[in-house]
C-alpha cells in the first residue's frame, strides 16, 4: 500500500520550498540557517543612515565630494547590488518609486529626474529616529516603522514617517530593501 501525503502538508512543503528558492535566488538567504537580524543591528543601520545623510549635506555645503559620499551611502546601506530595493521618497510625485540605485541617487543629490532637487543637499545637521517605532522580525529580514526627525542648520526640525525593511546580505551586513517615507498627514 502506498503512503499518501496529505494535501495540506504537500501544499505547505511546496510553499516553503518556493519561498526559500525565491529568497535564495535573490541573494537574500545564503542558507536555511541565516542569522537573525537584531534590534541593535537595525539601530546601527539607522544611525549609519542618519550619519550618511548629514555627511552628504555637509560635504555639499563645504564643496567636498558629496556625490562620492552619496554613492557610498547607497552602496553600503541599500541592497541595490543584490537586487531590487523598494524606495518611495518623501518628496517625489512624478516618479514616486525608485527601483534603481540611479533613481535613489537622483532623489538624494539631484540629476536624473526633473523633480529631484537633492533632498540630501539641504543643510541637515542631525537625524534622530523617534521612540515611537516598532519592529517585526522574520529571521534574516526585519521591518521597522516610526518617525524620523531631521534638523537643519537653522535648527528647524522636520518630522518624516518611515517604513524601513532590512535583510542580511551575503557578507553578513544588514541592508535596506524597503524604504518608504512620507510627511505626516495634515487635514484640510
Protein backbone atom coordinates (compact mmCIF):
# COMPACT_ATOMS: atom_id res chain seq x y z
CA UNK A 1 0.00 0.00 0.00
CA UNK A 2 1.35 3.41 -0.99
CA UNK A 3 1.60 6.16 1.58
CA UNK A 4 -0.11 9.36 0.60
CA UNK A 5 0.93 12.79 1.74
CA UNK A 6 -1.98 14.90 2.86
CA UNK A 7 -2.89 17.80 0.55
CA UNK A 8 -2.24 20.40 3.28
CA UNK A 9 1.21 19.01 4.06
CA UNK A 10 2.12 18.83 0.36
CA UNK A 11 0.93 22.41 -0.20
CA UNK A 12 2.94 23.63 2.79
CA UNK A 13 6.08 21.81 1.58
CA UNK A 14 5.75 23.32 -1.90
CA UNK A 15 5.15 26.80 -0.46
CA UNK A 16 8.17 26.62 1.86
CA UNK A 17 10.35 25.31 -0.96
CA UNK A 18 9.23 28.09 -3.30
CA UNK A 19 9.82 30.71 -0.59
CA UNK A 20 13.36 29.51 0.15
CA UNK A 21 14.22 29.08 -3.53
CA UNK A 22 12.95 32.57 -4.40
CA UNK A 23 14.78 34.23 -1.49
CA UNK A 24 17.99 32.31 -2.21
CA UNK A 25 17.81 33.21 -5.90
CA UNK A 26 17.56 36.88 -4.96
CA UNK A 27 20.66 36.59 -2.81
CA UNK A 28 18.89 37.29 0.48
CA UNK A 29 19.46 33.91 2.11
CA UNK A 30 22.79 32.13 1.97
CA UNK A 31 21.30 29.06 3.59
CA UNK A 32 18.40 27.89 5.66
CA UNK A 33 20.10 28.97 8.88
CA UNK A 34 20.93 32.61 8.09
CA UNK A 35 21.49 34.68 11.22
CA UNK A 36 18.52 36.62 12.54
CA UNK A 37 18.62 40.40 12.45
CA UNK A 38 18.62 42.08 15.85
CA UNK A 39 17.27 45.38 17.11
CA UNK A 40 20.84 46.54 17.76
CA UNK A 41 21.71 45.91 14.10
CA UNK A 42 18.67 47.85 12.91
CA UNK A 43 19.51 50.75 15.22
CA UNK A 44 23.12 50.72 13.95
CA UNK A 45 21.82 50.78 10.35
CA UNK A 46 19.53 53.69 11.23
CA UNK A 47 22.39 55.60 12.84
CA UNK A 48 24.54 54.98 9.76
CA UNK A 49 21.69 56.20 7.52
CA UNK A 50 21.32 59.42 9.53
CA UNK A 51 25.07 60.00 9.61
CA UNK A 52 25.21 59.36 5.86
CA UNK A 53 22.51 61.95 5.17
CA UNK A 54 24.32 64.54 7.30
CA UNK A 55 27.67 63.67 5.65
CA UNK A 56 26.21 64.24 2.17
CA UNK A 57 24.71 67.57 3.26
CA UNK A 58 27.91 68.70 4.99
CA UNK A 59 30.08 67.74 2.01
CA UNK A 60 27.79 69.62 -0.37
CA UNK A 61 27.84 72.76 1.79
CA UNK A 62 31.65 72.70 2.03
CA UNK A 63 32.28 71.94 -1.65
CA UNK A 64 33.60 68.43 -0.92
CA UNK A 65 32.81 65.24 -2.89
CA UNK A 66 29.14 64.89 -1.88
CA UNK A 67 28.44 62.67 -4.92
CA UNK A 68 31.05 60.15 -3.82
CA UNK A 69 29.67 60.14 -0.28
CA UNK A 70 26.13 59.65 -1.59
CA UNK A 71 27.30 56.74 -3.75
CA UNK A 72 28.99 55.17 -0.73
CA UNK A 73 25.80 55.56 1.35
CA UNK A 74 23.75 53.86 -1.37
CA UNK A 75 26.32 51.09 -1.87
CA UNK A 76 26.79 50.28 1.82
CA UNK A 77 23.32 50.86 3.28
CA UNK A 78 20.96 49.83 0.47
CA UNK A 79 20.68 46.46 -1.28
CA UNK A 80 20.75 47.68 -4.88
CA UNK A 81 23.77 45.47 -5.65
CA UNK A 82 21.79 42.38 -4.57
CA UNK A 83 18.53 43.17 -6.37
CA UNK A 84 15.58 45.50 -6.30
CA UNK A 85 15.07 47.96 -3.47
CA UNK A 86 11.58 49.34 -2.90
CA UNK A 87 12.30 53.04 -2.31
CA UNK A 88 9.47 55.58 -2.00
CA UNK A 89 10.99 59.01 -1.33
CA UNK A 90 9.16 61.64 0.69
CA UNK A 91 9.05 64.45 -1.86
CA UNK A 92 8.50 62.63 -5.14
CA UNK A 93 5.28 62.70 -7.14
CA UNK A 94 6.10 62.40 -10.85
CA UNK A 95 8.34 59.37 -10.26
CA UNK A 96 7.20 58.24 -6.81
CA UNK A 97 9.00 54.87 -6.77
CA UNK A 98 12.76 54.41 -7.24
CA UNK A 99 13.67 50.81 -8.00
CA UNK A 100 17.21 51.56 -9.20
CA UNK A 101 20.25 52.97 -7.47
CA UNK A 102 20.42 55.76 -10.07
CA UNK A 103 16.84 56.76 -9.20
CA UNK A 104 17.68 56.85 -5.49
CA UNK A 105 20.84 58.87 -6.18
CA UNK A 106 18.79 61.37 -8.18
CA UNK A 107 16.48 61.85 -5.21
CA UNK A 108 19.35 62.31 -2.75
CA UNK A 109 21.61 64.57 -4.84
CA UNK A 110 19.56 65.52 -7.92
CA UNK A 111 20.49 64.98 -11.50
CA UNK A 112 18.38 62.43 -13.34
CA UNK A 113 14.75 63.31 -12.69
CA UNK A 114 13.48 66.86 -13.09
CA UNK A 115 11.51 66.84 -9.85
CA UNK A 116 14.59 65.98 -7.76
CA UNK A 117 16.28 68.91 -6.05
CA UNK A 118 18.62 66.80 -3.96
CA UNK A 119 16.93 66.04 -0.65
CA UNK A 120 20.28 65.26 0.98
CA UNK A 121 21.70 68.61 -0.14
CA UNK A 122 19.62 70.52 2.40
CA UNK A 123 21.52 71.80 5.41
CA UNK A 124 20.83 68.72 7.55
CA UNK A 125 22.85 68.76 10.76
CA UNK A 126 21.31 65.84 12.64
CA UNK A 127 18.93 62.93 12.28
CA UNK A 128 17.22 61.04 15.07
CA UNK A 129 14.87 58.10 14.97
CA UNK A 130 11.89 58.54 17.29
CA UNK A 131 10.99 56.16 20.07
CA UNK A 132 7.51 55.62 18.59
CA UNK A 133 8.77 52.95 16.19
CA UNK A 134 8.03 49.27 16.20
CA UNK A 135 9.80 46.21 14.81
CA UNK A 136 8.83 42.99 13.08
CA UNK A 137 11.49 40.29 12.89
CA UNK A 138 11.44 37.42 10.44
CA UNK A 139 14.77 35.61 10.56
CA UNK A 140 17.18 37.29 8.16
CA UNK A 141 14.70 40.11 7.44
CA UNK A 142 13.14 42.75 9.65
CA UNK A 143 10.82 45.74 9.33
CA UNK A 144 10.77 48.99 11.26
CA UNK A 145 8.14 51.74 11.15
CA UNK A 146 8.26 55.03 13.01
CA UNK A 147 9.14 58.70 12.99
CA UNK A 148 12.43 60.25 11.93
CA UNK A 149 13.35 63.82 12.83
CA UNK A 150 15.68 65.83 10.59
CA UNK A 151 17.23 69.05 11.89
CA UNK A 152 18.57 71.70 9.53
CA UNK A 153 21.25 74.37 10.10
CA UNK A 154 18.64 76.88 11.28
CA UNK A 155 17.51 74.45 13.98
CA UNK A 156 14.17 73.69 12.32
CA UNK A 157 13.05 70.11 12.73
CA UNK A 158 11.15 68.15 10.08
CA UNK A 159 9.25 65.02 11.07
CA UNK A 160 9.11 62.26 8.47
CA UNK A 161 7.27 58.94 8.82
CA UNK A 162 9.18 55.92 7.54
CA UNK A 163 8.90 52.21 6.96
CA UNK A 164 12.26 50.54 6.50
CA UNK A 165 12.79 46.89 5.62
CA UNK A 166 16.15 45.24 6.20
CA UNK A 167 17.75 41.97 5.13
CA UNK A 168 21.02 40.25 5.88
CA UNK A 169 23.32 40.34 2.85
CA UNK A 170 25.71 37.51 1.96
CA UNK A 171 28.61 39.39 3.56
CA UNK A 172 26.68 39.47 6.87
CA UNK A 173 25.82 43.18 6.73
CA UNK A 174 22.28 44.48 7.21
CA UNK A 175 20.97 46.45 4.23
CA UNK A 176 17.82 48.32 3.30
CA UNK A 177 15.48 46.57 0.90
CA UNK A 178 12.40 48.71 1.60
CA UNK A 179 12.43 52.44 2.32
CA UNK A 180 9.07 54.21 2.32
CA UNK A 181 8.92 57.78 3.51
CA UNK A 182 6.11 60.30 3.85
CA UNK A 183 5.27 63.53 5.59
CA UNK A 184 2.64 63.40 8.34
CA UNK A 185 -0.93 63.80 7.14
CA UNK A 186 -2.40 67.26 7.63
CA UNK A 187 -6.18 67.54 7.32
CA UNK A 188 -7.59 70.27 5.06
